[in-house]
Each structure stands twice: as C-alpha cells, then as structure tokens.
C-alpha cells in the first residue's frame, strides 16, 4: 500500500490578503502578551524563525494556537522548511496597511 506524500505547497496554511483584514482583527490578535512577544521577536530577528526557537511561557499546543491567531490576523506568514514550521513577520505588508503599528508595538514592548 503506497503512502501519498503531500507536496510542500499543500502544507502551507492559508493566509489572508492584508487588503482584506481590518484594524480590529489585528488589534484583537495583538491584545495577548504572548502574541505580542512573538511579533516582537520576529521583528527584532529580521529573519524567519521556527516556532520552537521562540521561547514562550506556554505549552506547545497553546503556542500553536497563538501562531494560528497571528496568521489568521495577517500578521505572520507560515511555511515549512523541512519539518520546521517557519514564521515570517509580514512587516512590509502590515506597514503598508497600518503605518507605524509594528514600530509602536515593539517600542512599547521594550518599555514593559
């Protein structure tokens, strides 16, 4: 019995077009401190990071939920590199849709 293999493209979850997301949805995603931590770390890294490389104070399943919320809000893009799920901050797209939002978020987090 042959096992069907999924292509890399099939493993990429859907991402919203940033032209269709609203500020309310983005702010609701950012209200949680764990999600703000994820966004801040991606912002500071200036490179894509695997889920497991971000040290979060929650269980793996809860972290998965937080990444899902950020993806659904259009803040991050996820894809696979081998077996690692990578996360990319959609910095340019978010800056275009909501100028200054990410910079303000990170500046505020630095003061917390």
N, C-alpha and C. Protein backbone atom coordinates (compact mmCIF):
# COMPACT_ATOMS: atom_id res chain seq x y z
N UNK A 1 0.84 -1.17 0.00
CA UNK A 1 0.00 0.00 0.00
C UNK A 1 0.89 1.25 0.00
N UNK A 2 0.74 2.09 -0.98
CA UNK A 2 1.55 3.29 -1.10
C UNK A 2 0.99 4.40 -0.22
N UNK A 3 1.90 5.17 0.36
CA UNK A 3 1.50 6.31 1.18
C UNK A 3 1.60 7.56 0.32
N UNK A 4 0.53 8.30 0.27
CA UNK A 4 0.53 9.53 -0.52
C UNK A 4 1.35 10.59 0.21
N UNK A 5 2.23 11.24 -0.53
CA UNK A 5 3.05 12.30 0.04
C UNK A 5 2.43 13.65 -0.31
N UNK A 6 2.47 14.53 0.65
CA UNK A 6 1.96 15.86 0.42
C UNK A 6 3.10 16.75 -0.06
N UNK A 7 2.82 17.54 -1.04
CA UNK A 7 3.84 18.47 -1.52
C UNK A 7 3.99 19.61 -0.53
N UNK A 8 5.10 20.31 -0.62
CA UNK A 8 5.34 21.45 0.26
C UNK A 8 4.25 22.50 0.15
N UNK A 9 3.72 22.68 -1.05
CA UNK A 9 2.67 23.68 -1.27
C UNK A 9 1.40 23.32 -0.51
N UNK A 10 1.08 22.02 -0.42
CA UNK A 10 -0.12 21.60 0.30
C UNK A 10 0.03 21.81 1.80
N UNK A 11 1.24 21.87 2.29
CA UNK A 11 1.49 22.04 3.72
C UNK A 11 1.45 23.49 4.15
N UNK A 12 1.39 24.42 3.22
CA UNK A 12 1.34 25.83 3.56
C UNK A 12 -0.09 26.20 3.92
N UNK A 13 -0.31 26.67 5.15
CA UNK A 13 -1.67 27.05 5.54
C UNK A 13 -2.11 28.30 4.80
N UNK A 14 -3.42 28.53 4.71
CA UNK A 14 -3.91 29.73 4.03
C UNK A 14 -3.58 30.99 4.81
N UNK A 15 -3.33 32.06 4.07
CA UNK A 15 -3.02 33.36 4.66
C UNK A 15 -3.96 34.41 4.08
N UNK A 16 -4.49 35.29 4.91
CA UNK A 16 -5.38 36.32 4.38
C UNK A 16 -4.61 37.38 3.60
N UNK A 17 -5.27 37.95 2.65
CA UNK A 17 -4.73 39.08 1.91
C UNK A 17 -4.80 40.28 2.86
N UNK A 18 -3.71 40.98 3.06
CA UNK A 18 -3.71 42.09 4.02
C UNK A 18 -4.67 43.21 3.61
N UNK A 19 -5.08 43.22 2.36
CA UNK A 19 -6.06 44.24 1.94
C UNK A 19 -7.44 43.93 2.49
N UNK A 20 -7.65 42.69 2.96
CA UNK A 20 -8.97 42.30 3.46
C UNK A 20 -9.06 42.27 4.98
N UNK A 21 -7.95 42.47 5.67
CA UNK A 21 -8.01 42.43 7.13
C UNK A 21 -8.25 43.82 7.68
N UNK A 22 -8.94 43.86 8.80
CA UNK A 22 -9.24 45.14 9.42
C UNK A 22 -8.38 45.39 10.64
N UNK A 23 -8.31 46.64 11.02
CA UNK A 23 -7.53 47.03 12.19
C UNK A 23 -8.04 46.32 13.44
N UNK A 24 -9.35 46.17 13.56
CA UNK A 24 -9.93 45.50 14.73
C UNK A 24 -9.37 44.09 14.88
N UNK A 25 -9.32 43.34 13.80
CA UNK A 25 -8.81 41.96 13.83
C UNK A 25 -7.33 41.94 14.24
N UNK A 26 -6.55 42.85 13.72
CA UNK A 26 -5.13 42.92 14.04
C UNK A 26 -4.94 43.27 15.52
N UNK A 27 -5.68 44.27 16.00
CA UNK A 27 -5.56 44.67 17.41
C UNK A 27 -6.01 43.56 18.35
N UNK A 28 -7.07 42.84 17.98
CA UNK A 28 -7.52 41.72 18.81
C UNK A 28 -6.45 40.64 18.89
N UNK A 29 -5.72 40.42 17.80
CA UNK A 29 -4.64 39.43 17.81
C UNK A 29 -3.50 39.90 18.70
N UNK A 30 -3.27 41.20 18.75
CA UNK A 30 -2.14 41.74 19.49
C UNK A 30 -2.45 42.05 20.96
N UNK A 31 -3.68 41.85 21.38
CA UNK A 31 -4.04 42.13 22.77
C UNK A 31 -3.37 41.15 23.73
N UNK A 32 -3.05 39.96 23.27
CA UNK A 32 -2.45 38.95 24.13
C UNK A 32 -0.94 39.15 24.23
N UNK A 33 -0.39 39.13 25.45
CA UNK A 33 1.05 39.37 25.61
C UNK A 33 1.94 38.31 24.96
N UNK A 34 1.49 37.07 24.87
CA UNK A 34 2.28 36.03 24.21
C UNK A 34 2.38 36.33 22.72
N UNK A 35 1.28 36.74 22.12
CA UNK A 35 1.30 37.07 20.69
C UNK A 35 2.14 38.32 20.42
N UNK A 36 2.08 39.29 21.35
CA UNK A 36 2.96 40.47 21.19
C UNK A 36 4.41 40.07 21.29
N UNK A 37 4.72 39.10 22.16
CA UNK A 37 6.09 38.61 22.28
C UNK A 37 6.55 37.97 20.97
N UNK A 38 5.69 37.16 20.37
CA UNK A 38 6.04 36.50 19.10
C UNK A 38 6.33 37.55 18.04
N UNK A 39 5.44 38.53 17.90
CA UNK A 39 5.62 39.58 16.89
C UNK A 39 6.89 40.37 17.17
N UNK A 40 7.14 40.71 18.42
CA UNK A 40 8.34 41.47 18.77
C UNK A 40 9.61 40.70 18.46
N UNK A 41 9.61 39.41 18.74
CA UNK A 41 10.80 38.60 18.47
C UNK A 41 11.04 38.45 16.97
N UNK A 42 9.98 38.28 16.20
CA UNK A 42 10.13 38.22 14.75
C UNK A 42 10.61 39.56 14.20
N UNK A 43 10.11 40.64 14.75
CA UNK A 43 10.51 41.98 14.33
C UNK A 43 12.00 42.19 14.59
N UNK A 44 12.44 41.82 15.79
CA UNK A 44 13.84 42.01 16.18
C UNK A 44 14.78 41.09 15.40
N UNK A 45 14.33 39.87 15.10
CA UNK A 45 15.18 38.90 14.42
C UNK A 45 15.46 39.30 12.98
N UNK A 46 14.52 39.97 12.35
CA UNK A 46 14.65 40.36 10.95
C UNK A 46 14.92 39.17 10.03
N UNK A 47 14.51 37.99 10.49
CA UNK A 47 14.58 36.79 9.67
C UNK A 47 13.45 35.87 10.12
N UNK A 48 13.16 34.88 9.32
CA UNK A 48 12.11 33.94 9.66
C UNK A 48 12.61 33.02 10.79
N UNK A 49 11.70 32.68 11.70
CA UNK A 49 12.05 31.82 12.83
C UNK A 49 11.12 30.62 12.90
N UNK A 50 11.68 29.48 13.27
CA UNK A 50 10.87 28.30 13.50
C UNK A 50 10.08 28.49 14.80
N UNK A 51 8.92 27.88 14.87
CA UNK A 51 8.07 28.00 16.06
C UNK A 51 8.84 27.68 17.34
N UNK A 52 9.61 26.60 17.33
CA UNK A 52 10.30 26.15 18.52
C UNK A 52 11.47 27.01 18.97
N UNK A 53 11.89 27.95 18.14
CA UNK A 53 13.04 28.79 18.52
C UNK A 53 12.63 30.00 19.34
N UNK A 54 11.34 30.25 19.43
CA UNK A 54 10.84 31.37 20.22
C UNK A 54 10.43 30.80 21.58
N UNK A 55 11.12 31.23 22.63
CA UNK A 55 10.87 30.72 23.97
C UNK A 55 9.62 31.38 24.54
N UNK A 56 8.55 30.60 24.62
CA UNK A 56 7.27 31.12 25.09
C UNK A 56 6.89 30.48 26.43
N UNK A 57 6.19 31.24 27.28
CA UNK A 57 5.81 30.73 28.60
C UNK A 57 4.51 29.93 28.59
N UNK A 58 4.27 29.21 27.49
CA UNK A 58 3.03 28.43 27.35
C UNK A 58 3.37 27.06 26.77
N UNK A 59 2.40 26.15 26.84
CA UNK A 59 2.60 24.81 26.28
C UNK A 59 2.68 24.88 24.76
N UNK A 60 3.15 23.79 24.16
CA UNK A 60 3.29 23.74 22.71
C UNK A 60 1.94 23.91 22.02
N UNK A 61 0.90 23.27 22.55
CA UNK A 61 -0.42 23.39 21.91
C UNK A 61 -0.97 24.81 22.02
N UNK A 62 -0.71 25.47 23.14
CA UNK A 62 -1.16 26.86 23.30
C UNK A 62 -0.35 27.77 22.38
N UNK A 63 0.95 27.51 22.24
CA UNK A 63 1.77 28.29 21.32
C UNK A 63 1.25 28.15 19.89
N UNK A 64 0.87 26.92 19.52
CA UNK A 64 0.31 26.68 18.18
C UNK A 64 -0.93 27.54 17.97
N UNK A 65 -1.76 27.63 18.99
CA UNK A 65 -2.96 28.47 18.90
C UNK A 65 -2.58 29.93 18.66
N UNK A 66 -1.59 30.43 19.39
CA UNK A 66 -1.18 31.83 19.25
C UNK A 66 -0.63 32.11 17.85
N UNK A 67 0.18 31.20 17.32
CA UNK A 67 0.68 31.36 15.95
C UNK A 67 -0.48 31.37 14.95
N UNK A 68 -1.48 30.51 15.18
CA UNK A 68 -2.66 30.44 14.31
C UNK A 68 -3.41 31.78 14.31
N UNK A 69 -3.61 32.35 15.48
CA UNK A 69 -4.32 33.63 15.58
C UNK A 69 -3.55 34.72 14.83
N UNK A 70 -2.24 34.75 14.99
CA UNK A 70 -1.43 35.75 14.28
C UNK A 70 -1.49 35.56 12.77
N UNK A 71 -1.49 34.31 12.32
CA UNK A 71 -1.59 34.03 10.88
C UNK A 71 -2.95 34.45 10.35
N UNK A 72 -4.01 34.11 11.07
CA UNK A 72 -5.36 34.46 10.63
C UNK A 72 -5.58 35.97 10.61
N UNK A 73 -4.88 36.68 11.47
CA UNK A 73 -4.99 38.15 11.50
C UNK A 73 -4.12 38.80 10.42
N UNK A 74 -3.33 37.99 9.72
CA UNK A 74 -2.49 38.52 8.64
C UNK A 74 -1.15 39.06 9.09
N UNK A 75 -0.79 38.86 10.35
CA UNK A 75 0.46 39.41 10.86
C UNK A 75 1.68 38.58 10.52
N UNK A 76 1.51 37.27 10.39
CA UNK A 76 2.64 36.40 10.05
C UNK A 76 2.28 35.51 8.87
N UNK A 77 3.31 35.04 8.22
CA UNK A 77 3.18 34.04 7.15
C UNK A 77 3.91 32.80 7.64
N UNK A 78 3.29 31.64 7.48
CA UNK A 78 3.91 30.38 7.90
C UNK A 78 4.14 29.49 6.69
N UNK A 79 5.24 28.75 6.75
CA UNK A 79 5.58 27.80 5.71
C UNK A 79 6.51 26.76 6.32
N UNK A 80 6.72 25.69 5.60
CA UNK A 80 7.60 24.63 6.10
C UNK A 80 8.96 24.69 5.42
N UNK A 81 9.99 24.46 6.21
CA UNK A 81 11.36 24.26 5.73
C UNK A 81 11.76 22.91 6.31
N UNK A 82 11.66 21.87 5.51
CA UNK A 82 11.86 20.52 6.03
C UNK A 82 10.72 20.19 6.97
N UNK A 83 11.04 19.86 8.20
CA UNK A 83 10.00 19.54 9.17
C UNK A 83 9.68 20.72 10.09
N UNK A 84 10.37 21.83 9.92
CA UNK A 84 10.15 23.01 10.78
C UNK A 84 9.10 23.93 10.18
N UNK A 85 8.17 24.34 11.00
CA UNK A 85 7.22 25.36 10.57
C UNK A 85 7.86 26.71 10.85
N UNK A 86 8.07 27.45 9.79
CA UNK A 86 8.73 28.74 9.86
C UNK A 86 7.69 29.86 9.93
N UNK A 87 8.09 30.94 10.56
CA UNK A 87 7.22 32.10 10.74
C UNK A 87 7.93 33.34 10.23
N UNK A 88 7.23 34.08 9.39
CA UNK A 88 7.77 35.32 8.84
C UNK A 88 6.81 36.45 9.19
N UNK A 89 7.32 37.50 9.77
CA UNK A 89 6.51 38.68 10.05
C UNK A 89 6.23 39.36 8.71
N UNK A 90 5.00 39.67 8.46
CA UNK A 90 4.62 40.32 7.21
C UNK A 90 4.83 41.84 7.35
N UNK A 91 6.03 42.20 7.69
CA UNK A 91 6.40 43.57 8.04
C UNK A 91 6.00 44.59 6.96
N UNK A 92 6.43 44.38 5.74
CA UNK A 92 6.15 45.35 4.69
C UNK A 92 4.65 45.48 4.43
N UNK A 93 3.95 44.36 4.39
CA UNK A 93 2.51 44.39 4.14
C UNK A 93 1.74 45.07 5.28
N UNK A 94 2.15 44.77 6.52
CA UNK A 94 1.49 45.39 7.67
C UNK A 94 1.81 46.87 7.74
N UNK A 95 3.06 47.23 7.47
CA UNK A 95 3.43 48.65 7.47
C UNK A 95 2.66 49.43 6.40
N UNK A 96 2.40 48.79 5.28
CA UNK A 96 1.63 49.46 4.23
C UNK A 96 0.17 49.62 4.65
N UNK A 97 -0.40 48.57 5.25
CA UNK A 97 -1.81 48.61 5.66
C UNK A 97 -2.03 49.48 6.90
N UNK A 98 -1.09 49.39 7.86
CA UNK A 98 -1.22 50.09 9.14
C UNK A 98 0.11 50.76 9.49
N UNK A 99 0.42 51.88 8.85
CA UNK A 99 1.72 52.52 9.03
C UNK A 99 2.05 52.80 10.49
N UNK A 100 3.25 52.38 10.90
CA UNK A 100 3.74 52.65 12.24
C UNK A 100 3.27 51.70 13.33
N UNK A 101 2.33 50.82 13.03
CA UNK A 101 1.78 49.93 14.06
C UNK A 101 2.84 49.01 14.67
N UNK A 102 3.59 48.33 13.83
CA UNK A 102 4.59 47.40 14.34
C UNK A 102 5.69 48.12 15.11
N UNK A 103 6.14 49.23 14.59
CA UNK A 103 7.19 50.01 15.26
C UNK A 103 6.71 50.47 16.64
N UNK A 104 5.46 50.92 16.73
CA UNK A 104 4.90 51.36 18.01
C UNK A 104 4.75 50.18 18.97
N UNK A 105 4.34 49.05 18.46
CA UNK A 105 4.18 47.86 19.29
C UNK A 105 5.51 47.44 19.90
N UNK A 106 6.54 47.39 19.08
CA UNK A 106 7.85 46.97 19.55
C UNK A 106 8.44 48.00 20.51
N UNK A 107 8.27 49.28 20.22
CA UNK A 107 8.77 50.32 21.12
C UNK A 107 8.09 50.24 22.48
N UNK A 108 6.81 49.98 22.48
CA UNK A 108 6.06 49.86 23.74
C UNK A 108 6.50 48.63 24.51
N UNK A 109 6.71 47.53 23.81
CA UNK A 109 7.13 46.28 24.46
C UNK A 109 8.49 46.45 25.13
N UNK A 110 9.36 47.23 24.52
CA UNK A 110 10.68 47.48 25.11
C UNK A 110 10.58 48.20 26.45
N UNK A 111 9.48 48.91 26.69
CA UNK A 111 9.29 49.63 27.94
C UNK A 111 8.55 48.81 28.99
N UNK A 112 8.00 47.66 28.61
CA UNK A 112 7.23 46.83 29.57
C UNK A 112 8.14 46.03 30.45
